[in-house]
């Protein structure tokens, strides 16, 4: 039993998530994905859209999920 306990103590799900864990979800599957984007998302998207020289990429009406996907696209374009 002591060995099992020790093994559990060494496991950190945030550091070593299981391949089937839910630490990363597709934004389309987010429970709160249809809510308005957060202030942090808006700020980051605005910055990335300016760096990418694509001001039209910033859209304050996006949902959290849509903003996440747009941010990913802009990160890809800017290499950030």
Protein backbone atom coordinates (compact mmCIF):
# COMPACT_ATOMS: atom_id res chain seq x y z
CA UNK A 1 0.00 0.00 0.00
CA UNK A 2 2.85 2.40 0.78
CA UNK A 3 4.14 1.92 -2.76
CA UNK A 4 0.74 2.80 -4.27
CA UNK A 5 0.49 5.88 -2.11
CA UNK A 6 3.95 7.01 -3.12
CA UNK A 7 3.12 6.58 -6.80
CA UNK A 8 -0.05 8.70 -6.43
CA UNK A 9 1.89 11.40 -4.60
CA UNK A 10 4.41 11.62 -7.45
CA UNK A 11 1.72 11.97 -10.11
CA UNK A 12 0.78 15.54 -10.96
CA UNK A 13 -2.08 15.70 -13.50
CA UNK A 14 -1.23 19.29 -14.43
CA UNK A 15 2.39 18.43 -15.14
CA UNK A 16 1.79 14.97 -16.63
CA UNK A 17 -1.75 14.86 -18.03
CA UNK A 18 -3.02 11.58 -19.37
CA UNK A 19 -3.38 11.48 -23.15
CA UNK A 20 -7.15 11.17 -22.75
CA UNK A 21 -7.41 14.02 -20.24
CA UNK A 22 -9.60 17.06 -20.68
CA UNK A 23 -6.83 19.62 -20.18
CA UNK A 24 -7.22 20.64 -23.82
CA UNK A 25 -10.63 20.75 -25.43
CA UNK A 26 -11.71 21.85 -28.84
CA UNK A 27 -13.26 25.32 -28.40
CA UNK A 28 -16.40 24.00 -30.10
CA UNK A 29 -16.84 21.67 -27.10
CA UNK A 30 -16.47 24.36 -24.41
CA UNK A 31 -19.48 24.68 -22.10
CA UNK A 32 -18.94 28.45 -21.95
CA UNK A 33 -17.85 28.77 -25.57
CA UNK A 34 -20.91 30.74 -26.61
CA UNK A 35 -20.33 33.45 -24.00
CA UNK A 36 -18.74 36.74 -25.08
CA UNK A 37 -14.95 36.64 -25.28
CA UNK A 38 -13.03 37.70 -22.22
CA UNK A 39 -11.19 40.97 -21.86
CA UNK A 40 -7.90 39.12 -21.99
CA UNK A 41 -8.88 37.44 -25.26
CA UNK A 42 -9.94 40.78 -26.76
CA UNK A 43 -6.67 42.43 -25.74
CA UNK A 44 -4.54 39.58 -27.09
CA UNK A 45 -6.49 39.36 -30.34
CA UNK A 46 -6.19 43.12 -30.84
CA UNK A 47 -2.43 42.95 -30.33
CA UNK A 48 -2.01 39.96 -32.64
CA UNK A 49 -4.18 41.52 -35.35
CA UNK A 50 -2.00 44.65 -35.26
CA UNK A 51 1.22 42.60 -35.40
CA UNK A 52 -0.19 40.59 -38.32
CA UNK A 53 -1.19 43.86 -40.04
CA UNK A 54 -4.75 42.54 -40.22
CA UNK A 55 -6.86 44.97 -38.19
CA UNK A 56 -10.02 43.44 -39.65
CA UNK A 57 -9.16 40.19 -37.83
CA UNK A 58 -10.19 41.84 -34.57
CA UNK A 59 -13.92 41.46 -33.99
CA UNK A 60 -15.27 42.39 -30.59
CA UNK A 61 -18.50 40.45 -31.17
CA UNK A 62 -16.83 37.01 -31.18
CA UNK A 63 -17.66 34.37 -28.59
CA UNK A 64 -15.03 32.81 -26.34
CA UNK A 65 -14.73 29.81 -28.65
CA UNK A 66 -14.56 31.91 -31.83
CA UNK A 67 -12.00 34.24 -30.24
CA UNK A 68 -9.84 31.29 -29.22
CA UNK A 69 -9.82 29.95 -32.76
CA UNK A 70 -9.09 33.41 -34.23
CA UNK A 71 -6.24 33.89 -31.75
CA UNK A 72 -4.79 30.53 -32.80
CA UNK A 73 -4.93 31.59 -36.46
CA UNK A 74 -3.23 34.90 -35.70
CA UNK A 75 -0.58 33.21 -33.57
CA UNK A 76 0.18 30.93 -36.51
CA UNK A 77 0.50 33.90 -38.88
CA UNK A 78 2.68 35.93 -36.53
CA UNK A 79 4.79 33.05 -35.23
CA UNK A 80 3.92 33.86 -31.63
